Protein backbone atom coordinates (compact mmCIF):
# COMPACT_ATOMS: atom_id res chain seq x y z
CA UNK A 1 0.00 0.00 0.00
CA UNK A 2 2.80 2.46 0.90
CA UNK A 3 4.51 1.74 -2.43
CA UNK A 4 1.33 2.58 -4.32
CA UNK A 5 1.00 5.90 -2.51
CA UNK A 6 4.72 6.69 -3.11
CA UNK A 7 4.23 6.09 -6.85
CA UNK A 8 0.81 7.68 -7.26
CA UNK A 9 1.51 11.04 -5.59
CA UNK A 10 4.24 12.25 -7.98
CA UNK A 11 2.28 10.92 -10.94
CA UNK A 12 -0.90 12.71 -9.88
CA UNK A 13 1.08 15.91 -9.39
CA UNK A 14 2.27 15.64 -12.99
CA UNK A 15 -1.14 15.12 -14.59
CA UNK A 16 -2.23 18.79 -14.87
CA UNK A 17 0.84 19.59 -16.96
CA UNK A 18 0.06 16.84 -19.44
CA UNK A 19 -2.96 18.71 -20.78
CA UNK A 20 -0.96 21.84 -21.61
CA UNK A 21 0.78 22.46 -24.92
CA UNK A 22 4.39 23.67 -25.11
CA UNK A 23 4.48 27.26 -23.94
CA UNK A 24 6.31 29.94 -25.90
CA UNK A 25 8.18 32.95 -24.54
CA UNK A 26 6.88 36.44 -23.81
CA UNK A 27 9.01 39.47 -22.97
CA UNK A 28 6.38 40.80 -20.52
CA UNK A 29 6.43 37.77 -18.22
CA UNK A 30 7.23 38.28 -14.51
CA UNK A 31 9.28 35.98 -12.24
CA UNK A 32 6.37 33.92 -10.86
CA UNK A 33 4.95 33.23 -14.29
CA UNK A 34 8.39 32.38 -15.70
CA UNK A 35 9.00 29.98 -12.80
CA UNK A 36 5.64 28.29 -13.43
CA UNK A 37 6.31 28.07 -17.17
CA UNK A 38 9.69 26.47 -16.48
CA UNK A 39 8.15 24.11 -13.94
CA UNK A 40 5.40 22.78 -16.23
CA UNK A 41 7.55 22.65 -19.35
CA UNK A 42 9.05 19.17 -18.71
CA UNK A 43 5.49 17.82 -18.26
CA UNK A 44 4.06 19.30 -21.44
CA UNK A 45 5.74 17.22 -24.11
CA UNK A 46 5.52 13.43 -24.16
CA UNK A 47 9.11 13.27 -25.43
CA UNK A 48 10.54 15.20 -22.47
CA UNK A 49 8.18 13.57 -19.97
CA UNK A 50 9.09 10.01 -21.06
CA UNK A 51 12.85 10.69 -21.18
CA UNK A 52 12.94 12.17 -17.69
CA UNK A 53 10.91 9.31 -16.24
CA UNK A 54 13.20 6.82 -18.02
CA UNK A 55 16.30 8.36 -16.42
CA UNK A 56 14.78 7.89 -12.97
CA UNK A 57 13.62 4.34 -13.69
CA UNK A 58 16.97 3.30 -15.17
CA UNK A 59 18.94 4.86 -12.30
CA UNK A 60 17.14 2.58 -9.81
CA UNK A 61 17.11 -0.55 -11.94
CA UNK A 62 20.68 -0.56 -13.21
CA UNK A 63 22.95 1.75 -11.21
CA UNK A 64 24.36 1.73 -7.69
CA UNK A 65 24.57 5.52 -7.39
CA UNK A 66 20.84 6.05 -7.93
CA UNK A 67 20.99 9.84 -7.58
CA UNK A 68 23.97 10.37 -9.91
CA UNK A 69 22.04 10.09 -13.18
CA UNK A 70 19.10 12.31 -12.18
CA UNK A 71 21.44 15.03 -10.88
CA UNK A 72 23.65 14.79 -13.97
CA UNK A 73 20.60 15.06 -16.21
CA UNK A 74 19.21 18.05 -14.30
CA UNK A 75 22.59 19.82 -14.26
CA UNK A 76 23.26 19.45 -17.97
CA UNK A 77 19.63 20.26 -18.74
CA UNK A 78 20.29 23.66 -17.16
CA UNK A 79 23.43 24.10 -19.29
CA UNK A 80 21.40 23.23 -22.38
CA UNK A 81 18.70 25.66 -21.26
CA UNK A 82 21.26 28.47 -21.13
CA UNK A 83 22.38 27.58 -24.67
CA UNK A 84 18.76 27.57 -25.79
CA UNK A 85 18.20 31.03 -24.27
CA UNK A 86 20.95 32.45 -26.48
CA UNK A 87 19.01 31.48 -29.59
CA UNK A 88 22.05 29.65 -30.96
CA UNK A 89 21.22 27.43 -33.93
CA UNK A 90 22.17 23.97 -32.69
CA UNK A 91 21.68 21.27 -35.31
CA UNK A 92 19.96 17.93 -34.67
CA UNK A 93 18.17 18.94 -31.46
CA UNK A 94 14.95 17.10 -32.33
CA UNK A 95 16.69 13.95 -33.66
CA UNK A 96 18.81 13.82 -30.48
CA UNK A 97 15.69 14.11 -28.30
CA UNK A 98 14.07 11.28 -30.28
CA UNK A 99 17.28 9.24 -30.01
CA UNK A 100 17.28 9.80 -26.24
CA UNK A 101 13.89 8.12 -25.97
CA UNK A 102 15.04 5.21 -28.10
CA UNK A 103 18.30 4.71 -26.17
CA UNK A 104 16.94 5.35 -22.67
CA UNK A 105 13.94 3.12 -23.38
CA UNK A 106 16.25 0.30 -24.47
CA UNK A 107 18.44 0.86 -21.41
CA UNK A 108 15.38 0.51 -19.14
CA UNK A 109 14.10 -2.48 -21.11
CA UNK A 110 17.41 -4.37 -20.93
CA UNK A 111 18.55 -2.96 -17.57
CA UNK A 112 21.81 -1.96 -19.21
CA UNK A 113 24.58 -1.49 -16.68
CA UNK A 114 27.23 1.08 -17.54
CA UNK A 115 30.27 2.25 -15.63
CA UNK A 116 29.42 5.52 -13.89
CA UNK A 117 31.42 7.79 -16.26
CA UNK A 118 29.75 6.21 -19.34
CA UNK A 119 26.30 6.43 -17.80
CA UNK A 120 26.85 10.08 -16.90
CA UNK A 121 28.10 10.80 -20.43
CA UNK A 122 25.05 9.20 -22.08
CA UNK A 123 22.53 10.84 -19.77
CA UNK A 124 24.35 14.18 -19.85
CA UNK A 125 24.53 14.32 -23.64
CA UNK A 126 20.81 13.73 -23.97
CA UNK A 127 20.05 16.21 -21.18
CA UNK A 128 21.99 18.90 -23.02
CA UNK A 129 19.73 18.59 -26.07
CA UNK A 130 16.55 18.45 -23.98
CA UNK A 131 17.73 21.62 -22.25
CA UNK A 132 18.41 23.40 -25.55
CA UNK A 133 14.85 22.62 -26.67
CA UNK A 134 13.42 23.89 -23.37
CA UNK A 135 15.55 27.02 -23.33
CA UNK A 136 14.50 27.99 -26.84
CA UNK A 137 10.84 27.92 -25.76
CA UNK A 138 11.05 29.59 -22.33
CA UNK A 139 11.23 33.34 -21.57
CA UNK A 140 14.91 34.31 -21.80
CA UNK A 141 14.18 37.64 -20.09
CA UNK A 142 13.43 35.70 -16.88
CA UNK A 143 16.07 32.99 -17.33
CA UNK A 144 16.81 32.37 -13.63
CA UNK A 145 13.14 31.92 -12.70
CA UNK A 146 12.40 29.78 -15.75
CA UNK A 147 15.47 27.57 -15.21
CA UNK A 148 14.66 27.17 -11.50
CA UNK A 149 11.16 25.99 -12.34
CA UNK A 150 12.47 23.69 -15.07
CA UNK A 151 14.99 22.10 -12.67
CA UNK A 152 12.28 21.49 -10.07
CA UNK A 153 9.87 19.97 -12.62
CA UNK A 154 12.66 17.78 -13.97
CA UNK A 155 13.61 16.47 -10.53
CA UNK A 156 9.97 15.66 -9.74
CA UNK A 157 9.82 13.57 -12.91
CA UNK A 158 13.10 11.86 -12.03
CA UNK A 159 11.81 11.07 -8.53
CA UNK A 160 8.56 9.72 -9.99
CA UNK A 161 10.67 7.57 -12.33
CA UNK A 162 12.75 6.36 -9.40
CA UNK A 163 9.58 5.38 -7.54
CA UNK A 164 8.37 3.47 -10.61
CA UNK A 165 11.79 1.82 -10.90
CA UNK A 166 11.64 0.75 -7.24
CA UNK A 167 8.17 -0.68 -7.82
CA UNK A 168 9.40 -2.61 -10.87
CA UNK A 169 12.50 -3.85 -9.05
CA UNK A 170 10.38 -5.26 -6.24
CA UNK A 171 7.98 -6.97 -8.67
CA UNK A 172 8.77 -8.38 -12.09
CA UNK A 173 11.47 -7.51 -14.63
CA UNK A 174 8.74 -7.70 -17.28
CA UNK A 175 7.23 -4.41 -16.13
CA UNK A 176 10.47 -2.61 -16.97
CA UNK A 177 10.78 -4.47 -20.26
CA UNK A 178 7.29 -3.46 -21.34
CA UNK A 179 7.58 0.20 -20.29
CA UNK A 180 11.15 0.52 -21.58
CA UNK A 181 10.13 -1.07 -24.86
CA UNK A 182 7.22 1.34 -25.16
CA UNK A 183 9.50 4.35 -24.58
CA UNK A 184 11.97 2.98 -27.15
CA UNK A 185 9.17 2.53 -29.71
CA UNK A 186 7.99 6.08 -29.04
CA UNK A 187 11.54 7.28 -29.65
CA UNK A 188 11.83 5.24 -32.87
CA UNK A 189 8.58 6.76 -34.10
CA UNK A 190 9.74 10.30 -33.28
CA UNK A 191 13.11 9.62 -34.91
CA UNK A 192 11.46 8.41 -38.10
CA UNK A 193 9.33 11.56 -38.11
CA UNK A 194 12.23 14.01 -37.78
CA UNK A 195 14.74 12.38 -40.11
């Protein structure tokens, strides 16, 4: 019963954001609004939502340092967000986001174990591109507030993923295989659409 509550609370908190579309930027936005926009942004696209959950799930299923991957992802997401705020034209952002779903989904599905530096490199690379996409859509005039909200939303998704991963680990490996396979298929579909 406690496990169900632990899993359901973060997921219920994320549901309102799922009905929103990606939010664009507006020069007249104040700090509170920018923070809220940053906070809901990771919840508003299925690609970002699934990738951030997958990082949390994978960190519990296949790594010993369960917090290392979520913190690496959140940190490099912020770096990517700063790049996105500059308006720099970075090629292959969308294909890399699609590839992140494919790779992270397969890593969850197969419970791929990587040495910590390799795991951090994979997760960090994908986080950078997710951050660039977020930064290009959030209000650059309120970068600190928007990035703070985005980091909080991201960590909530990672924690929800970690709770799901703990649930899977205590039950059957098939749960992870099915969900990971679904995320990988979503990524393959996105990748086919952007190439």
